Amino acid sequence: MTLKSRTRNLVVSILFLLLSSCADSINNLSKEIYSAEGFSPVLLAKGKTALTPTIPGSGTTQEAETIGTLLDRAMKKHFTQPGALMEESSVSDQIRHDSALASLWTQMAPHISAHSIRGMTATRIFAQRLGVRYLFETQIQMAEIAGGAEQVRVYARIYDTKQERIVWEGVGEGRGYEKLVFPSTPATFRIVADTAVKGLVDKLYGR
């Protein structure tokens, strides 16, 4: 092995160790944006919560469905009481089979973003029809290759129908490489989305 090859390998090894040592800050950029005074995630089970279908935003319908599947799995771990959580898959199924619910969803969906609070009247009735107090709403803000890495950002907010206000907002964001050395290869969407969703739920529950 030449001196040049050894030097290159040493640099790559050091870089890998540095990246590994700060993997959480590099790969998991999730954060809590807002939490209302008096709000606690413990209340979500007491008042019953529904996960609404993830809005594709800058992603695709298939990517939004992947986020929904991952979110169902991550949130179920925090709901031990039967019936306290209505999963995204269940809500989507009800929307398909209930025309009144579908009409309300059509009014709500365009406004599920960090930049809109319209459509809240429909949101309140939507939650009442589902029999829950809280709606956990999500939108894909980013799903792209940036700097050679897959990057996924999911915006989420929780709407309290009793108080008629948003009580929590957060962002789950992940990025990752399949291969770090040049030319770098981005990780798959599902792997990075899983990091983003877990980061989001961890922020909600204070972990």
Protein backbone atom coordinates (compact mmCIF):
# COMPACT_ATOMS: atom_id res chain seq x y z
CA MET A 1 0.00 0.00 0.00
CA THR A 2 1.43 3.39 -0.98
CA LEU A 3 1.81 6.34 1.40
CA LYS A 4 -0.91 8.16 -0.54
CA SER A 5 -3.34 5.23 -0.12
CA ARG A 6 -2.57 4.93 3.60
CA THR A 7 -3.11 8.66 4.08
CA ARG A 8 -6.41 8.55 2.22
CA ASN A 9 -7.63 5.59 4.25
CA LEU A 10 -6.61 7.32 7.49
CA VAL A 11 -8.51 10.47 6.54
CA VAL A 12 -11.61 8.44 5.66
CA SER A 13 -11.40 6.52 8.94
CA ILE A 14 -11.07 9.72 10.98
CA LEU A 15 -13.97 11.29 9.11
CA PHE A 16 -16.14 8.23 9.72
CA LEU A 17 -15.32 8.25 13.45
CA LEU A 18 -16.12 11.95 13.71
CA LEU A 19 -19.43 11.50 11.94
CA SER A 20 -20.30 8.49 14.07
CA SER A 21 -19.53 10.34 17.30
CA CYS A 22 -22.05 13.06 16.46
CA ALA A 23 -24.51 10.86 14.57
CA ASP A 24 -27.51 12.07 16.54
CA SER A 25 -26.91 15.74 15.71
CA ILE A 26 -26.12 14.97 12.08
CA ASN A 27 -28.75 12.35 11.29
CA ASN A 28 -31.50 13.40 13.68
CA LEU A 29 -32.32 17.12 13.46
CA SER A 30 -35.77 16.83 15.07
CA LYS A 31 -37.04 19.58 17.35
CA GLU A 32 -40.06 20.79 19.26
CA ILE A 33 -41.39 24.09 17.92
CA TYR A 34 -44.13 24.91 20.39
CA SER A 35 -45.90 23.48 23.42
CA ALA A 36 -48.89 25.22 25.01
CA GLU A 37 -48.86 25.95 28.72
CA GLY A 38 -50.42 23.06 30.60
CA PHE A 39 -50.13 20.63 27.69
CA SER A 40 -48.71 17.19 28.39
CA PRO A 41 -48.59 14.23 25.98
CA VAL A 42 -50.21 12.17 28.77
CA LEU A 43 -53.45 14.01 27.92
CA LEU A 44 -53.50 12.49 24.42
CA ALA A 45 -54.53 9.08 25.75
CA LYS A 46 -57.06 10.50 28.19
CA GLY A 47 -58.87 12.53 25.54
CA LYS A 48 -58.33 10.02 22.71
CA THR A 49 -56.22 10.93 19.69
CA ALA A 50 -56.49 10.31 15.96
CA LEU A 51 -53.55 10.38 13.55
CA THR A 52 -54.77 12.00 10.34
CA PRO A 53 -53.34 10.95 6.96
CA THR A 54 -49.93 12.51 6.28
CA ILE A 55 -50.11 15.25 3.63
CA PRO A 56 -47.53 14.55 0.86
CA GLY A 57 -46.39 18.19 0.65
CA SER A 58 -43.02 18.07 -1.09
CA GLY A 59 -43.08 14.26 -1.05
CA THR A 60 -45.12 11.68 -2.94
CA THR A 61 -48.31 9.87 -1.97
CA GLN A 62 -46.32 6.67 -1.45
CA GLU A 63 -43.81 8.50 0.79
CA ALA A 64 -46.69 9.98 2.81
CA GLU A 65 -48.12 6.48 3.30
CA THR A 66 -44.70 5.29 4.49
CA ILE A 67 -44.59 8.12 7.04
CA GLY A 68 -48.09 7.11 8.18
CA THR A 69 -47.07 3.48 8.71
CA LEU A 70 -43.98 4.50 10.67
CA LEU A 71 -45.95 7.00 12.75
CA ASP A 72 -48.60 4.40 13.63
CA ARG A 73 -45.86 2.09 14.90
CA ALA A 74 -44.01 4.79 16.85
CA MET A 75 -47.10 6.25 18.53
CA LYS A 76 -48.65 2.90 19.50
CA LYS A 77 -45.80 2.36 21.96
CA HIS A 78 -47.11 5.28 24.04
CA PHE A 79 -50.78 4.23 24.08
CA THR A 80 -51.38 1.22 26.29
CA GLN A 81 -55.10 1.91 26.83
CA PRO A 82 -57.28 0.20 24.15
CA GLY A 83 -59.14 2.65 21.93
CA ALA A 84 -57.15 5.70 23.06
CA LEU A 85 -55.31 5.96 19.74
CA MET A 86 -56.92 5.86 16.31
CA GLU A 87 -54.11 5.00 13.92
CA GLU A 88 -53.58 6.76 10.59
CA SER A 89 -54.44 3.60 8.68
CA SER A 90 -57.78 3.39 10.49
CA VAL A 91 -58.61 7.08 9.89
CA SER A 92 -57.74 6.73 6.19
CA ASP A 93 -60.06 3.73 5.96
CA GLN A 94 -62.92 5.65 7.57
CA ILE A 95 -62.42 8.59 5.21
CA ARG A 96 -62.75 6.20 2.25
CA HIS A 97 -66.03 4.76 3.56
CA ASP A 98 -67.69 7.84 5.09
CA SER A 99 -68.67 10.54 2.58
CA ALA A 100 -69.33 13.15 5.29
CA LEU A 101 -65.91 12.52 6.80
CA ALA A 102 -64.33 12.65 3.33
CA SER A 103 -65.96 16.04 2.68
CA LEU A 104 -64.59 17.43 5.95
CA TRP A 105 -61.15 16.02 5.13
CA THR A 106 -61.21 17.75 1.75
CA GLN A 107 -61.73 21.07 3.56
CA MET A 108 -59.03 20.38 6.16
CA ALA A 109 -56.20 18.77 4.22
CA PRO A 110 -55.02 21.84 2.20
CA HIS A 111 -54.43 23.74 5.45
CA ILE A 112 -52.33 21.19 7.31
CA SER A 113 -49.01 23.00 7.28
CA ALA A 114 -46.91 25.26 9.46
CA HIS A 115 -48.26 28.24 7.52
CA SER A 116 -52.01 27.77 7.84
CA ILE A 117 -54.63 27.52 10.58
CA ARG A 118 -57.65 27.76 8.31
CA GLY A 119 -60.19 24.98 8.01
CA MET A 120 -60.42 24.61 11.79
CA THR A 121 -64.24 24.47 11.82
CA ALA A 122 -64.08 21.38 9.64
CA THR A 123 -61.28 20.05 11.85
CA ARG A 124 -63.41 20.25 14.98
CA ILE A 125 -66.37 18.45 13.37
CA PHE A 126 -64.00 15.89 11.84
CA ALA A 127 -62.62 15.01 15.28
CA GLN A 128 -66.10 14.84 16.81
CA ARG A 129 -67.19 12.42 14.09
CA LEU A 130 -64.21 10.22 14.90
CA GLY A 131 -64.97 10.44 18.61
CA VAL A 132 -61.62 11.93 19.66
CA ARG A 133 -60.50 15.13 21.33
CA TYR A 134 -57.06 15.45 19.72
CA LEU A 135 -55.95 15.33 16.10
CA PHE A 136 -52.31 14.65 15.30
CA GLU A 137 -51.72 16.20 11.85
CA THR A 138 -48.61 15.74 9.71
CA GLN A 139 -47.15 17.04 6.46
CA ILE A 140 -43.94 16.19 4.58
CA GLN A 141 -41.98 19.44 4.36
CA MET A 142 -38.93 17.94 2.71
CA ALA A 143 -38.11 14.73 0.87
CA GLU A 144 -35.00 15.26 -1.23
CA ILE A 145 -31.35 14.48 -1.78
CA ALA A 146 -29.28 17.27 -0.21
CA GLY A 147 -25.48 17.23 -0.04
CA GLY A 148 -25.38 13.62 -1.16
CA ALA A 149 -27.71 12.48 1.64
CA GLU A 150 -31.40 11.66 1.73
CA GLN A 151 -33.13 14.30 3.85
CA VAL A 152 -36.68 14.02 5.20
CA ARG A 153 -38.53 16.58 7.30
CA VAL A 154 -42.01 15.97 8.74
CA TYR A 155 -44.00 18.82 10.29
CA ALA A 156 -46.55 17.85 12.93
CA ARG A 157 -49.10 19.63 15.08
CA ILE A 158 -51.69 18.57 17.62
CA TYR A 159 -55.10 20.21 17.60
CA ASP A 160 -57.21 20.20 20.77
CA THR A 161 -60.90 20.36 19.79
CA LYS A 162 -62.00 21.24 23.33
CA GLN A 163 -59.76 24.30 23.51
CA GLU A 164 -60.08 24.88 19.75
CA ARG A 165 -56.37 25.55 19.38
CA ILE A 166 -53.07 24.01 18.40
CA VAL A 167 -51.37 22.78 21.58
CA TRP A 168 -48.16 21.34 20.18
CA GLU A 169 -45.94 21.63 17.09
CA GLY A 170 -42.78 19.82 16.18
CA VAL A 171 -40.53 18.75 13.33
CA GLY A 172 -39.10 15.29 12.78
CA GLU A 173 -36.06 15.52 10.54
CA GLY A 174 -33.58 12.90 9.47
CA ARG A 175 -30.74 12.67 6.98
CA GLY A 176 -28.44 9.86 6.12
CA TYR A 177 -25.93 8.19 3.82
CA GLU A 178 -25.74 4.59 2.71
CA LYS A 179 -22.05 5.18 1.95
CA LEU A 180 -20.00 8.11 3.29
CA VAL A 181 -16.89 7.97 1.11
CA PHE A 182 -16.84 9.85 -2.17
CA PRO A 183 -18.96 9.53 -4.17
CA SER A 184 -21.42 9.36 -1.26
CA THR A 185 -24.65 7.39 -1.61
CA PRO A 186 -27.88 8.54 0.06
CA ALA A 187 -29.74 6.16 2.35
CA THR A 188 -33.19 4.94 1.33
CA PHE A 189 -36.23 7.12 2.04
CA ARG A 190 -37.67 4.62 4.50
CA ILE A 191 -34.51 4.47 6.63
CA VAL A 192 -34.26 8.26 6.89
CA ALA A 193 -38.03 8.67 7.35
CA ASP A 194 -37.85 6.24 10.27
CA THR A 195 -35.20 8.46 11.90
CA ALA A 196 -37.40 11.52 11.33
CA VAL A 197 -40.55 9.90 12.75
CA LYS A 198 -38.77 8.48 15.81
CA GLY A 199 -37.15 11.88 16.40
CA LEU A 200 -40.54 13.59 16.18
CA VAL A 201 -42.22 11.24 18.64
CA ASP A 202 -39.24 11.41 21.02
CA LYS A 203 -39.50 15.22 21.03
CA LEU A 204 -43.22 15.01 21.79
CA TYR A 205 -42.67 12.67 24.73
CA GLY A 206 -39.60 14.49 26.00
CA ARG A 207 -36.97 11.84 25.32
